[in-house]
mmCIF file of all heavy atoms, coordinates in Angstrom:
data_MODEL
# 
_entry.id   MODEL 
# 
loop_
_atom_site.group_PDB 
_atom_site.id 
_atom_site.type_symbol 
_atom_site.label_atom_id 
_atom_site.label_alt_id 
_atom_site.label_comp_id 
_atom_site.label_asym_id 
_atom_site.label_entity_id 
_atom_site.label_seq_id 
_atom_site.pdbx_PDB_ins_code 
_atom_site.Cartn_x 
_atom_site.Cartn_y 
_atom_site.Cartn_z 
_atom_site.occupancy 
_atom_site.B_iso_or_equiv 
_atom_site.pdbx_formal_charge 
_atom_site.auth_seq_id 
_atom_site.auth_comp_id 
_atom_site.auth_asym_id 
_atom_site.auth_atom_id 
_atom_site.pdbx_PDB_model_num 
ATOM 1   N N   . ARG A 1 1  ? -166.375 125.099 190.904 1.00 0.00 ? 1  ARG A N   1 
ATOM 2   C CA  . ARG A 1 1  ? -167.531 126.038 191.213 1.00 0.00 ? 1  ARG A CA  1 
ATOM 3   C C   . ARG A 1 1  ? -167.883 126.098 192.624 1.00 0.00 ? 1  ARG A C   1 
ATOM 4   O O   . ARG A 1 1  ? -168.196 127.126 193.265 1.00 0.00 ? 1  ARG A O   1 
ATOM 5   C CB  . ARG A 1 1  ? -168.708 125.812 190.313 1.00 0.00 ? 1  ARG A CB  1 
ATOM 6   C CG  . ARG A 1 1  ? -169.888 126.890 190.460 1.00 0.00 ? 1  ARG A CG  1 
ATOM 7   C CD  . ARG A 1 1  ? -170.985 126.517 189.500 1.00 0.00 ? 1  ARG A CD  1 
ATOM 8   N NE  . ARG A 1 1  ? -171.686 125.408 189.923 1.00 0.00 ? 1  ARG A NE  1 
ATOM 9   C CZ  . ARG A 1 1  ? -172.705 125.355 190.806 1.00 0.00 ? 1  ARG A CZ  1 
ATOM 10  N NH1 . ARG A 1 1  ? -173.030 126.382 191.488 1.00 0.00 ? 1  ARG A NH1 1 
ATOM 11  N NH2 . ARG A 1 1  ? -173.279 124.171 191.121 1.00 0.00 ? 1  ARG A NH2 1 
ATOM 12  N N   . ILE A 1 2  ? -167.923 124.868 193.255 1.00 0.00 ? 2  ILE A N   1 
ATOM 13  C CA  . ILE A 1 2  ? -168.193 124.711 194.655 1.00 0.00 ? 2  ILE A CA  1 
ATOM 14  C C   . ILE A 1 2  ? -166.925 124.392 195.346 1.00 0.00 ? 2  ILE A C   1 
ATOM 15  O O   . ILE A 1 2  ? -166.355 123.407 195.069 1.00 0.00 ? 2  ILE A O   1 
ATOM 16  C CB  . ILE A 1 2  ? -169.256 123.588 194.923 1.00 0.00 ? 2  ILE A CB  1 
ATOM 17  C CG1 . ILE A 1 2  ? -170.587 123.889 194.083 1.00 0.00 ? 2  ILE A CG1 1 
ATOM 18  C CG2 . ILE A 1 2  ? -169.596 123.472 196.357 1.00 0.00 ? 2  ILE A CG2 1 
ATOM 19  C CD1 . ILE A 1 2  ? -171.252 125.064 194.512 1.00 0.00 ? 2  ILE A CD1 1 
ATOM 20  N N   . LEU A 1 3  ? -166.552 125.223 196.332 1.00 0.00 ? 3  LEU A N   1 
ATOM 21  C CA  . LEU A 1 3  ? -165.321 124.958 197.157 1.00 0.00 ? 3  LEU A CA  1 
ATOM 22  C C   . LEU A 1 3  ? -165.621 124.073 198.333 1.00 0.00 ? 3  LEU A C   1 
ATOM 23  O O   . LEU A 1 3  ? -164.917 123.076 198.562 1.00 0.00 ? 3  LEU A O   1 
ATOM 24  C CB  . LEU A 1 3  ? -164.677 126.244 197.565 1.00 0.00 ? 3  LEU A CB  1 
ATOM 25  C CG  . LEU A 1 3  ? -163.946 127.062 196.578 1.00 0.00 ? 3  LEU A CG  1 
ATOM 26  C CD1 . LEU A 1 3  ? -164.850 127.906 195.582 1.00 0.00 ? 3  LEU A CD1 1 
ATOM 27  C CD2 . LEU A 1 3  ? -162.880 127.871 197.162 1.00 0.00 ? 3  LEU A CD2 1 
ATOM 28  N N   . TYR A 1 4  ? -166.648 124.338 199.072 1.00 0.00 ? 4  TYR A N   1 
ATOM 29  C CA  . TYR A 1 4  ? -167.086 123.535 200.133 1.00 0.00 ? 4  TYR A CA  1 
ATOM 30  C C   . TYR A 1 4  ? -168.559 123.529 200.284 1.00 0.00 ? 4  TYR A C   1 
ATOM 31  O O   . TYR A 1 4  ? -169.278 124.423 199.959 1.00 0.00 ? 4  TYR A O   1 
ATOM 32  C CB  . TYR A 1 4  ? -166.551 124.071 201.540 1.00 0.00 ? 4  TYR A CB  1 
ATOM 33  C CG  . TYR A 1 4  ? -165.133 123.673 201.729 1.00 0.00 ? 4  TYR A CG  1 
ATOM 34  C CD1 . TYR A 1 4  ? -164.082 124.603 201.523 1.00 0.00 ? 4  TYR A CD1 1 
ATOM 35  C CD2 . TYR A 1 4  ? -164.755 122.388 202.187 1.00 0.00 ? 4  TYR A CD2 1 
ATOM 36  C CE1 . TYR A 1 4  ? -162.797 124.317 201.704 1.00 0.00 ? 4  TYR A CE1 1 
ATOM 37  C CE2 . TYR A 1 4  ? -163.401 122.118 202.404 1.00 0.00 ? 4  TYR A CE2 1 
ATOM 38  C CZ  . TYR A 1 4  ? -162.361 123.065 202.235 1.00 0.00 ? 4  TYR A CZ  1 
ATOM 39  O OH  . TYR A 1 4  ? -161.129 122.743 202.443 1.00 0.00 ? 4  TYR A OH  1 
ATOM 40  N N   . GLU A 1 5  ? -169.123 122.346 200.601 1.00 0.00 ? 5  GLU A N   1 
ATOM 41  C CA  . GLU A 1 5  ? -170.560 122.193 200.923 1.00 0.00 ? 5  GLU A CA  1 
ATOM 42  C C   . GLU A 1 5  ? -170.711 121.533 202.303 1.00 0.00 ? 5  GLU A C   1 
ATOM 43  O O   . GLU A 1 5  ? -170.159 120.406 202.548 1.00 0.00 ? 5  GLU A O   1 
ATOM 44  C CB  . GLU A 1 5  ? -171.200 121.373 199.819 1.00 0.00 ? 5  GLU A CB  1 
ATOM 45  C CG  . GLU A 1 5  ? -172.748 121.296 199.953 1.00 0.00 ? 5  GLU A CG  1 
ATOM 46  C CD  . GLU A 1 5  ? -173.443 120.828 198.684 1.00 0.00 ? 5  GLU A CD  1 
ATOM 47  O OE1 . GLU A 1 5  ? -172.781 120.392 197.758 1.00 0.00 ? 5  GLU A OE1 1 
ATOM 48  O OE2 . GLU A 1 5  ? -174.722 120.780 198.716 1.00 0.00 ? 5  GLU A OE2 1 
ATOM 49  N N   . LEU A 1 6  ? -171.506 122.131 203.086 1.00 0.00 ? 6  LEU A N   1 
ATOM 50  C CA  . LEU A 1 6  ? -171.751 121.659 204.422 1.00 0.00 ? 6  LEU A CA  1 
ATOM 51  C C   . LEU A 1 6  ? -173.184 121.174 204.541 1.00 0.00 ? 6  LEU A C   1 
ATOM 52  O O   . LEU A 1 6  ? -174.141 121.879 204.154 1.00 0.00 ? 6  LEU A O   1 
ATOM 53  C CB  . LEU A 1 6  ? -171.601 122.684 205.550 1.00 0.00 ? 6  LEU A CB  1 
ATOM 54  C CG  . LEU A 1 6  ? -170.023 123.015 205.856 1.00 0.00 ? 6  LEU A CG  1 
ATOM 55  C CD1 . LEU A 1 6  ? -169.442 123.838 204.758 1.00 0.00 ? 6  LEU A CD1 1 
ATOM 56  C CD2 . LEU A 1 6  ? -170.039 123.787 207.114 1.00 0.00 ? 6  LEU A CD2 1 
ATOM 57  N N   . GLU A 1 7  ? -173.409 119.933 204.986 1.00 0.00 ? 7  GLU A N   1 
ATOM 58  C CA  . GLU A 1 7  ? -174.716 119.278 205.079 1.00 0.00 ? 7  GLU A CA  1 
ATOM 59  C C   . GLU A 1 7  ? -174.893 118.870 206.476 1.00 0.00 ? 7  GLU A C   1 
ATOM 60  O O   . GLU A 1 7  ? -174.225 117.992 206.991 1.00 0.00 ? 7  GLU A O   1 
ATOM 61  C CB  . GLU A 1 7  ? -174.808 118.067 204.093 1.00 0.00 ? 7  GLU A CB  1 
ATOM 62  C CG  . GLU A 1 7  ? -174.614 118.382 202.605 1.00 0.00 ? 7  GLU A CG  1 
ATOM 63  C CD  . GLU A 1 7  ? -174.649 117.208 201.775 1.00 0.00 ? 7  GLU A CD  1 
ATOM 64  O OE1 . GLU A 1 7  ? -174.392 116.068 202.234 1.00 0.00 ? 7  GLU A OE1 1 
ATOM 65  O OE2 . GLU A 1 7  ? -174.802 117.328 200.525 1.00 0.00 ? 7  GLU A OE2 1 
ATOM 66  N N   . ASP A 1 8  ? -175.942 119.507 207.125 1.00 0.00 ? 8  ASP A N   1 
ATOM 67  C CA  . ASP A 1 8  ? -176.369 119.118 208.492 1.00 0.00 ? 8  ASP A CA  1 
ATOM 68  C C   . ASP A 1 8  ? -175.121 119.029 209.516 1.00 0.00 ? 8  ASP A C   1 
ATOM 69  O O   . ASP A 1 8  ? -175.087 118.075 210.292 1.00 0.00 ? 8  ASP A O   1 
ATOM 70  C CB  . ASP A 1 8  ? -177.077 117.730 208.406 1.00 0.00 ? 8  ASP A CB  1 
ATOM 71  C CG  . ASP A 1 8  ? -177.912 117.522 209.656 1.00 0.00 ? 8  ASP A CG  1 
ATOM 72  O OD1 . ASP A 1 8  ? -178.379 118.563 210.350 1.00 0.00 ? 8  ASP A OD1 1 
ATOM 73  O OD2 . ASP A 1 8  ? -178.182 116.294 210.035 1.00 0.00 ? 8  ASP A OD2 1 
ATOM 74  N N   . VAL A 1 9  ? -174.349 120.005 209.389 1.00 0.00 ? 9  VAL A N   1 
ATOM 75  C CA  . VAL A 1 9  ? -173.149 120.032 210.221 1.00 0.00 ? 9  VAL A CA  1 
ATOM 76  C C   . VAL A 1 9  ? -173.415 120.569 211.583 1.00 0.00 ? 9  VAL A C   1 
ATOM 77  O O   . VAL A 1 9  ? -174.045 121.645 211.772 1.00 0.00 ? 9  VAL A O   1 
ATOM 78  C CB  . VAL A 1 9  ? -172.031 120.782 209.550 1.00 0.00 ? 9  VAL A CB  1 
ATOM 79  C CG1 . VAL A 1 9  ? -170.841 121.064 210.591 1.00 0.00 ? 9  VAL A CG1 1 
ATOM 80  C CG2 . VAL A 1 9  ? -171.469 120.125 208.338 1.00 0.00 ? 9  VAL A CG2 1 
ATOM 81  N N   . SER A 1 10 ? -172.970 119.851 212.603 1.00 0.00 ? 10 SER A N   1 
ATOM 82  C CA  . SER A 1 10 ? -173.178 120.150 214.069 1.00 0.00 ? 10 SER A CA  1 
ATOM 83  C C   . SER A 1 10 ? -171.829 120.104 214.813 1.00 0.00 ? 10 SER A C   1 
ATOM 84  O O   . SER A 1 10 ? -170.980 119.298 214.384 1.00 0.00 ? 10 SER A O   1 
ATOM 85  C CB  . SER A 1 10 ? -174.221 119.375 214.697 1.00 0.00 ? 10 SER A CB  1 
ATOM 86  O OG  . SER A 1 10 ? -175.537 119.423 214.026 1.00 0.00 ? 10 SER A OG  1 
ATOM 87  N N   . LYS A 1 11 ? -171.744 120.872 215.909 1.00 0.00 ? 11 LYS A N   1 
ATOM 88  C CA  . LYS A 1 11 ? -170.569 120.816 216.606 1.00 0.00 ? 11 LYS A CA  1 
ATOM 89  C C   . LYS A 1 11 ? -170.921 120.990 218.166 1.00 0.00 ? 11 LYS A C   1 
ATOM 90  O O   . LYS A 1 11 ? -171.610 121.966 218.456 1.00 0.00 ? 11 LYS A O   1 
ATOM 91  C CB  . LYS A 1 11 ? -169.529 121.890 216.211 1.00 0.00 ? 11 LYS A CB  1 
ATOM 92  C CG  . LYS A 1 11 ? -168.304 121.871 217.118 1.00 0.00 ? 11 LYS A CG  1 
ATOM 93  C CD  . LYS A 1 11 ? -167.446 120.652 216.988 1.00 0.00 ? 11 LYS A CD  1 
ATOM 94  C CE  . LYS A 1 11 ? -166.167 120.812 217.733 1.00 0.00 ? 11 LYS A CE  1 
ATOM 95  N NZ  . LYS A 1 11 ? -165.436 119.548 217.637 1.00 0.00 ? 11 LYS A NZ  1 
ATOM 96  N N   . SER A 1 12 ? -170.370 120.072 218.944 1.00 0.00 ? 12 SER A N   1 
ATOM 97  C CA  . SER A 1 12 ? -170.660 120.200 220.464 1.00 0.00 ? 12 SER A CA  1 
ATOM 98  C C   . SER A 1 12 ? -169.307 120.171 221.059 1.00 0.00 ? 12 SER A C   1 
ATOM 99  O O   . SER A 1 12 ? -168.310 119.425 220.656 1.00 0.00 ? 12 SER A O   1 
ATOM 100 C CB  . SER A 1 12 ? -171.538 119.114 220.925 1.00 0.00 ? 12 SER A CB  1 
ATOM 101 O OG  . SER A 1 12 ? -172.767 119.171 220.321 1.00 0.00 ? 12 SER A OG  1 
ATOM 102 N N   . TYR A 1 13 ? -169.239 120.829 222.216 1.00 0.00 ? 13 TYR A N   1 
ATOM 103 C CA  . TYR A 1 13 ? -168.089 120.727 223.098 1.00 0.00 ? 13 TYR A CA  1 
ATOM 104 C C   . TYR A 1 13 ? -168.557 120.113 224.444 1.00 0.00 ? 13 TYR A C   1 
ATOM 105 O O   . TYR A 1 13 ? -169.215 120.862 225.229 1.00 0.00 ? 13 TYR A O   1 
ATOM 106 C CB  . TYR A 1 13 ? -167.410 122.025 223.395 1.00 0.00 ? 13 TYR A CB  1 
ATOM 107 C CG  . TYR A 1 13 ? -166.803 122.666 222.235 1.00 0.00 ? 13 TYR A CG  1 
ATOM 108 C CD1 . TYR A 1 13 ? -167.420 123.686 221.442 1.00 0.00 ? 13 TYR A CD1 1 
ATOM 109 C CD2 . TYR A 1 13 ? -165.592 122.309 221.791 1.00 0.00 ? 13 TYR A CD2 1 
ATOM 110 C CE1 . TYR A 1 13 ? -166.871 124.170 220.306 1.00 0.00 ? 13 TYR A CE1 1 
ATOM 111 C CE2 . TYR A 1 13 ? -164.920 122.842 220.630 1.00 0.00 ? 13 TYR A CE2 1 
ATOM 112 C CZ  . TYR A 1 13 ? -165.623 123.942 219.949 1.00 0.00 ? 13 TYR A CZ  1 
ATOM 113 O OH  . TYR A 1 13 ? -165.035 124.414 218.765 1.00 0.00 ? 13 TYR A OH  1 
ATOM 114 N N   . GLY A 1 14 ? -168.431 118.885 224.649 1.00 0.00 ? 14 GLY A N   1 
ATOM 115 C CA  . GLY A 1 14 ? -169.102 118.129 225.746 1.00 0.00 ? 14 GLY A CA  1 
ATOM 116 C C   . GLY A 1 14 ? -170.580 118.268 225.573 1.00 0.00 ? 14 GLY A C   1 
ATOM 117 O O   . GLY A 1 14 ? -171.152 117.864 224.549 1.00 0.00 ? 14 GLY A O   1 
ATOM 118 N N   . GLU A 1 15 ? -171.289 118.678 226.583 1.00 0.00 ? 15 GLU A N   1 
ATOM 119 C CA  . GLU A 1 15 ? -172.677 118.863 226.558 1.00 0.00 ? 15 GLU A CA  1 
ATOM 120 C C   . GLU A 1 15 ? -173.177 120.049 225.944 1.00 0.00 ? 15 GLU A C   1 
ATOM 121 O O   . GLU A 1 15 ? -174.366 120.217 225.608 1.00 0.00 ? 15 GLU A O   1 
ATOM 122 C CB  . GLU A 1 15 ? -173.315 118.749 227.974 1.00 0.00 ? 15 GLU A CB  1 
ATOM 123 C CG  . GLU A 1 15 ? -173.024 117.449 228.667 1.00 0.00 ? 15 GLU A CG  1 
ATOM 124 C CD  . GLU A 1 15 ? -173.650 117.360 230.059 1.00 0.00 ? 15 GLU A CD  1 
ATOM 125 O OE1 . GLU A 1 15 ? -174.240 118.437 230.496 1.00 0.00 ? 15 GLU A OE1 1 
ATOM 126 O OE2 . GLU A 1 15 ? -173.547 116.305 230.676 1.00 0.00 ? 15 GLU A OE2 1 
ATOM 127 N N   . LYS A 1 16 ? -172.294 121.058 225.647 1.00 0.00 ? 16 LYS A N   1 
ATOM 128 C CA  . LYS A 1 16 ? -172.628 122.330 225.017 1.00 0.00 ? 16 LYS A CA  1 
ATOM 129 C C   . LYS A 1 16 ? -172.682 122.144 223.529 1.00 0.00 ? 16 LYS A C   1 
ATOM 130 O O   . LYS A 1 16 ? -171.612 122.024 222.907 1.00 0.00 ? 16 LYS A O   1 
ATOM 131 C CB  . LYS A 1 16 ? -171.736 123.420 225.495 1.00 0.00 ? 16 LYS A CB  1 
ATOM 132 C CG  . LYS A 1 16 ? -172.169 124.769 224.877 1.00 0.00 ? 16 LYS A CG  1 
ATOM 133 C CD  . LYS A 1 16 ? -171.211 125.865 225.426 1.00 0.00 ? 16 LYS A CD  1 
ATOM 134 C CE  . LYS A 1 16 ? -171.504 127.214 224.826 1.00 0.00 ? 16 LYS A CE  1 
ATOM 135 N NZ  . LYS A 1 16 ? -172.872 127.757 224.955 1.00 0.00 ? 16 LYS A NZ  1 
ATOM 136 N N   . GLN A 1 17 ? -173.789 122.401 222.916 1.00 0.00 ? 17 GLN A N   1 
ATOM 137 C CA  . GLN A 1 17 ? -173.938 122.418 221.432 1.00 0.00 ? 17 GLN A CA  1 
ATOM 138 C C   . GLN A 1 17 ? -173.797 123.835 220.855 1.00 0.00 ? 17 GLN A C   1 
ATOM 139 O O   . GLN A 1 17 ? -174.501 124.676 221.237 1.00 0.00 ? 17 GLN A O   1 
ATOM 140 C CB  . GLN A 1 17 ? -175.223 121.775 220.945 1.00 0.00 ? 17 GLN A CB  1 
ATOM 141 C CG  . GLN A 1 17 ? -175.295 121.576 219.430 1.00 0.00 ? 17 GLN A CG  1 
ATOM 142 C CD  . GLN A 1 17 ? -176.310 120.599 219.053 1.00 0.00 ? 17 GLN A CD  1 
ATOM 143 O OE1 . GLN A 1 17 ? -177.441 120.553 219.620 1.00 0.00 ? 17 GLN A OE1 1 
ATOM 144 N NE2 . GLN A 1 17 ? -176.051 119.811 217.951 1.00 0.00 ? 17 GLN A NE2 1 
ATOM 145 N N   . VAL A 1 18 ? -172.747 124.088 220.080 1.00 0.00 ? 18 VAL A N   1 
ATOM 146 C CA  . VAL A 1 18 ? -172.552 125.348 219.581 1.00 0.00 ? 18 VAL A CA  1 
ATOM 147 C C   . VAL A 1 18 ? -173.229 125.594 218.251 1.00 0.00 ? 18 VAL A C   1 
ATOM 148 O O   . VAL A 1 18 ? -173.748 126.645 217.925 1.00 0.00 ? 18 VAL A O   1 
ATOM 149 C CB  . VAL A 1 18 ? -170.974 125.615 219.377 1.00 0.00 ? 18 VAL A CB  1 
ATOM 150 C CG1 . VAL A 1 18 ? -170.786 127.026 218.820 1.00 0.00 ? 18 VAL A CG1 1 
ATOM 151 C CG2 . VAL A 1 18 ? -170.347 125.398 220.747 1.00 0.00 ? 18 VAL A CG2 1 
ATOM 152 N N   . LEU A 1 19 ? -173.215 124.583 217.319 1.00 0.00 ? 19 LEU A N   1 
ATOM 153 C CA  . LEU A 1 19 ? -173.739 124.550 216.092 1.00 0.00 ? 19 LEU A CA  1 
ATOM 154 C C   . LEU A 1 19 ? -174.653 123.422 215.808 1.00 0.00 ? 19 LEU A C   1 
ATOM 155 O O   . LEU A 1 19 ? -174.441 122.322 216.206 1.00 0.00 ? 19 LEU A O   1 
ATOM 156 C CB  . LEU A 1 19 ? -172.629 124.674 214.886 1.00 0.00 ? 19 LEU A CB  1 
ATOM 157 C CG  . LEU A 1 19 ? -171.782 125.856 214.937 1.00 0.00 ? 19 LEU A CG  1 
ATOM 158 C CD1 . LEU A 1 19 ? -170.612 125.640 213.915 1.00 0.00 ? 19 LEU A CD1 1 
ATOM 159 C CD2 . LEU A 1 19 ? -172.535 127.125 214.524 1.00 0.00 ? 19 LEU A CD2 1 
ATOM 160 N N   . SER A 1 20 ? -175.737 123.539 215.071 1.00 0.00 ? 20 SER A N   1 
ATOM 161 C CA  . SER A 1 20 ? -176.769 122.546 214.940 1.00 0.00 ? 20 SER A CA  1 
ATOM 162 C C   . SER A 1 20 ? -177.327 122.590 213.456 1.00 0.00 ? 20 SER A C   1 
ATOM 163 O O   . SER A 1 20 ? -177.824 123.574 213.111 1.00 0.00 ? 20 SER A O   1 
ATOM 164 C CB  . SER A 1 20 ? -177.809 122.581 215.961 1.00 0.00 ? 20 SER A CB  1 
ATOM 165 O OG  . SER A 1 20 ? -178.779 121.611 215.656 1.00 0.00 ? 20 SER A OG  1 
ATOM 166 N N   . GLY A 1 21 ? -177.149 121.525 212.740 1.00 0.00 ? 21 GLY A N   1 
ATOM 167 C CA  . GLY A 1 21 ? -177.840 121.418 211.427 1.00 0.00 ? 21 GLY A CA  1 
ATOM 168 C C   . GLY A 1 21 ? -177.419 122.476 210.381 1.00 0.00 ? 21 GLY A C   1 
ATOM 169 O O   . GLY A 1 21 ? -178.284 122.934 209.574 1.00 0.00 ? 21 GLY A O   1 
ATOM 170 N N   . VAL A 1 22 ? -176.112 122.877 210.374 1.00 0.00 ? 22 VAL A N   1 
ATOM 171 C CA  . VAL A 1 22 ? -175.735 123.958 209.453 1.00 0.00 ? 22 VAL A CA  1 
ATOM 172 C C   . VAL A 1 22 ? -175.721 123.464 208.028 1.00 0.00 ? 22 VAL A C   1 
ATOM 173 O O   . VAL A 1 22 ? -175.085 122.444 207.717 1.00 0.00 ? 22 VAL A O   1 
ATOM 174 C CB  . VAL A 1 22 ? -174.270 124.421 209.841 1.00 0.00 ? 22 VAL A CB  1 
ATOM 175 C CG1 . VAL A 1 22 ? -173.804 125.421 208.851 1.00 0.00 ? 22 VAL A CG1 1 
ATOM 176 C CG2 . VAL A 1 22 ? -174.430 125.135 211.169 1.00 0.00 ? 22 VAL A CG2 1 
ATOM 177 N N   . GLU A 1 23 ? -176.298 124.178 207.206 1.00 0.00 ? 23 GLU A N   1 
ATOM 178 C CA  . GLU A 1 23 ? -176.339 124.038 205.702 1.00 0.00 ? 23 GLU A CA  1 
ATOM 179 C C   . GLU A 1 23 ? -175.633 125.192 205.058 1.00 0.00 ? 23 GLU A C   1 
ATOM 180 O O   . GLU A 1 23 ? -176.144 126.325 205.181 1.00 0.00 ? 23 GLU A O   1 
ATOM 181 C CB  . GLU A 1 23 ? -177.828 123.771 205.171 1.00 0.00 ? 23 GLU A CB  1 
ATOM 182 C CG  . GLU A 1 23 ? -178.583 122.733 205.829 1.00 0.00 ? 23 GLU A CG  1 
ATOM 183 C CD  . GLU A 1 23 ? -178.214 121.311 205.330 1.00 0.00 ? 23 GLU A CD  1 
ATOM 184 O OE1 . GLU A 1 23 ? -177.602 121.215 204.165 1.00 0.00 ? 23 GLU A OE1 1 
ATOM 185 O OE2 . GLU A 1 23 ? -178.463 120.322 205.965 1.00 0.00 ? 23 GLU A OE2 1 
ATOM 186 N N   . LEU A 1 24 ? -174.604 124.938 204.305 1.00 0.00 ? 24 LEU A N   1 
ATOM 187 C CA  . LEU A 1 24 ? -173.904 126.110 203.771 1.00 0.00 ? 24 LEU A CA  1 
ATOM 188 C C   . LEU A 1 24 ? -173.103 125.649 202.575 1.00 0.00 ? 24 LEU A C   1 
ATOM 189 O O   . LEU A 1 24 ? -172.513 124.585 202.481 1.00 0.00 ? 24 LEU A O   1 
ATOM 190 C CB  . LEU A 1 24 ? -172.855 126.636 204.746 1.00 0.00 ? 24 LEU A CB  1 
ATOM 191 C CG  . LEU A 1 24 ? -171.878 127.744 204.269 1.00 0.00 ? 24 LEU A CG  1 
ATOM 192 C CD1 . LEU A 1 24 ? -172.661 128.926 203.883 1.00 0.00 ? 24 LEU A CD1 1 
ATOM 193 C CD2 . LEU A 1 24 ? -170.891 128.081 205.280 1.00 0.00 ? 24 LEU A CD2 1 
# 
């Protein structure tokens, strides 16, 4: 029923943060 669950996912490239605290 659930294929993927994202909990508090963040992504940074060096000092640049692109995604922060993604819940999906």
